[in-house]
Amino acid sequence: MAKKAVATLQTGNAGRNHTKCIKMVKSPKTGAYFFQEEIVENEKALAYFK
């Protein structure tokens, strides 16, 4: 089932200004990949992935 983390932020217009971003990051110690999730503002979403 889907998580409802984003749905709890949607109170009026404030919730529509945020996006849940998920990116895959490589661990420097083990070399394994893991997923990093964060809720950021829409304007900062592209900068989050760089």
N, C-alpha and C. Protein backbone atom coordinates (compact mmCIF):
# COMPACT_ATOMS: atom_id res chain seq x y z
N MET A 1 0.84 -1.17 0.00
CA MET A 1 0.00 0.00 0.00
C MET A 1 0.88 1.24 0.00
N ALA A 2 0.34 2.32 -0.49
CA ALA A 2 1.09 3.57 -0.59
C ALA A 2 1.13 4.28 0.75
N LYS A 3 2.22 4.97 0.98
CA LYS A 3 2.33 5.78 2.18
C LYS A 3 1.53 7.07 1.99
N LYS A 4 1.00 7.59 3.06
CA LYS A 4 0.19 8.79 2.98
C LYS A 4 0.92 10.00 3.57
N ALA A 5 2.23 10.06 3.43
CA ALA A 5 3.01 11.16 3.98
C ALA A 5 2.68 12.47 3.27
N VAL A 6 2.49 12.42 1.97
CA VAL A 6 2.22 13.63 1.21
C VAL A 6 0.79 14.10 1.45
N ALA A 7 -0.14 13.17 1.63
CA ALA A 7 -1.54 13.53 1.82
C ALA A 7 -1.75 14.32 3.11
N THR A 8 -0.92 14.11 4.10
CA THR A 8 -1.09 14.84 5.36
C THR A 8 -0.65 16.29 5.24
N LEU A 9 0.13 16.63 4.23
CA LEU A 9 0.60 18.01 4.05
C LEU A 9 -0.41 18.85 3.27
N GLN A 10 -1.41 18.25 2.66
CA GLN A 10 -2.31 18.99 1.80
C GLN A 10 -3.42 19.66 2.60
N THR A 11 -3.10 20.76 3.22
CA THR A 11 -4.08 21.57 3.92
C THR A 11 -4.15 22.90 3.20
N GLY A 12 -5.16 23.09 2.39
CA GLY A 12 -5.28 24.31 1.60
C GLY A 12 -4.26 24.32 0.47
N ASN A 13 -3.62 25.45 0.24
CA ASN A 13 -2.62 25.57 -0.82
C ASN A 13 -1.23 25.19 -0.35
N ALA A 14 -1.02 25.07 0.94
CA ALA A 14 0.33 24.80 1.46
C ALA A 14 0.84 23.44 1.01
N GLY A 15 0.01 22.44 0.93
CA GLY A 15 0.44 21.10 0.55
C GLY A 15 0.78 20.96 -0.91
N ARG A 16 0.22 21.80 -1.73
CA ARG A 16 0.48 21.71 -3.17
C ARG A 16 1.81 22.35 -3.55
N ASN A 17 2.47 22.97 -2.61
CA ASN A 17 3.77 23.59 -2.88
C ASN A 17 4.92 22.66 -2.58
N HIS A 18 4.65 21.42 -2.18
CA HIS A 18 5.69 20.47 -1.81
C HIS A 18 5.61 19.22 -2.67
N THR A 19 6.75 18.57 -2.86
CA THR A 19 6.85 17.35 -3.64
C THR A 19 7.69 16.35 -2.88
N LYS A 20 7.28 15.09 -2.89
CA LYS A 20 8.08 14.04 -2.27
C LYS A 20 9.07 13.53 -3.31
N CYS A 21 10.36 13.71 -3.05
CA CYS A 21 11.41 13.31 -3.97
C CYS A 21 12.12 12.08 -3.43
N ILE A 22 12.38 11.14 -4.32
CA ILE A 22 13.09 9.91 -3.96
C ILE A 22 14.26 9.77 -4.92
N LYS A 23 15.47 9.68 -4.37
CA LYS A 23 16.64 9.48 -5.23
C LYS A 23 17.46 8.31 -4.72
N MET A 24 18.19 7.68 -5.63
CA MET A 24 19.02 6.54 -5.30
C MET A 24 20.44 7.04 -5.06
N VAL A 25 21.01 6.68 -3.91
CA VAL A 25 22.34 7.16 -3.51
C VAL A 25 23.24 5.95 -3.26
N LYS A 26 24.49 6.06 -3.68
CA LYS A 26 25.45 4.99 -3.46
C LYS A 26 26.22 5.25 -2.17
N SER A 27 26.29 4.25 -1.32
CA SER A 27 26.99 4.37 -0.05
C SER A 27 28.50 4.36 -0.30
N PRO A 28 29.24 5.29 0.27
CA PRO A 28 30.69 5.32 0.04
C PRO A 28 31.42 4.17 0.76
N LYS A 29 30.85 3.65 1.84
CA LYS A 29 31.52 2.59 2.59
C LYS A 29 31.34 1.23 1.94
N THR A 30 30.09 0.85 1.64
CA THR A 30 29.82 -0.50 1.16
C THR A 30 29.63 -0.57 -0.34
N GLY A 31 29.33 0.55 -0.98
CA GLY A 31 29.09 0.54 -2.42
C GLY A 31 27.67 0.13 -2.78
N ALA A 32 26.85 -0.15 -1.79
CA ALA A 32 25.46 -0.54 -2.03
C ALA A 32 24.62 0.71 -2.26
N TYR A 33 23.55 0.55 -3.01
CA TYR A 33 22.63 1.65 -3.27
C TYR A 33 21.48 1.62 -2.29
N PHE A 34 20.99 2.82 -1.90
CA PHE A 34 19.82 2.92 -1.05
C PHE A 34 19.01 4.13 -1.51
N PHE A 35 17.75 4.16 -1.10
CA PHE A 35 16.86 5.23 -1.51
C PHE A 35 16.75 6.27 -0.41
N GLN A 36 16.85 7.53 -0.80
CA GLN A 36 16.75 8.64 0.13
C GLN A 36 15.50 9.43 -0.23
N GLU A 37 14.57 9.57 0.72
CA GLU A 37 13.31 10.26 0.50
C GLU A 37 13.30 11.58 1.27
N GLU A 38 12.75 12.60 0.65
CA GLU A 38 12.64 13.89 1.31
C GLU A 38 11.50 14.67 0.67
N ILE A 39 10.80 15.46 1.47
CA ILE A 39 9.74 16.31 0.98
C ILE A 39 10.31 17.72 0.86
N VAL A 40 10.34 18.23 -0.38
CA VAL A 40 10.94 19.54 -0.66
C VAL A 40 9.91 20.42 -1.36
N GLU A 41 10.19 21.71 -1.40
CA GLU A 41 9.33 22.64 -2.13
C GLU A 41 9.48 22.41 -3.62
N ASN A 42 8.45 22.75 -4.39
CA ASN A 42 8.45 22.52 -5.84
C ASN A 42 9.60 23.24 -6.53
N GLU A 43 9.93 24.43 -6.09
CA GLU A 43 10.99 25.21 -6.73
C GLU A 43 12.37 24.59 -6.49
N LYS A 44 12.53 23.87 -5.37
CA LYS A 44 13.82 23.30 -5.01
C LYS A 44 13.97 21.83 -5.41
N ALA A 45 12.99 21.29 -6.12
CA ALA A 45 13.00 19.87 -6.47
C ALA A 45 14.14 19.54 -7.44
N LEU A 46 14.37 20.36 -8.45
CA LEU A 46 15.46 20.09 -9.40
C LEU A 46 16.83 20.20 -8.74
N ALA A 47 16.99 21.13 -7.82
CA ALA A 47 18.26 21.29 -7.12
C ALA A 47 18.53 20.11 -6.18
N TYR A 48 17.47 19.47 -5.70
CA TYR A 48 17.64 18.31 -4.82
C TYR A 48 18.30 17.15 -5.55
N PHE A 49 18.03 16.98 -6.83
CA PHE A 49 18.59 15.86 -7.58
C PHE A 49 19.99 16.14 -8.13
N LYS A 50 20.47 17.37 -8.06
CA LYS A 50 21.82 17.68 -8.57
C LYS A 50 22.86 17.46 -7.50
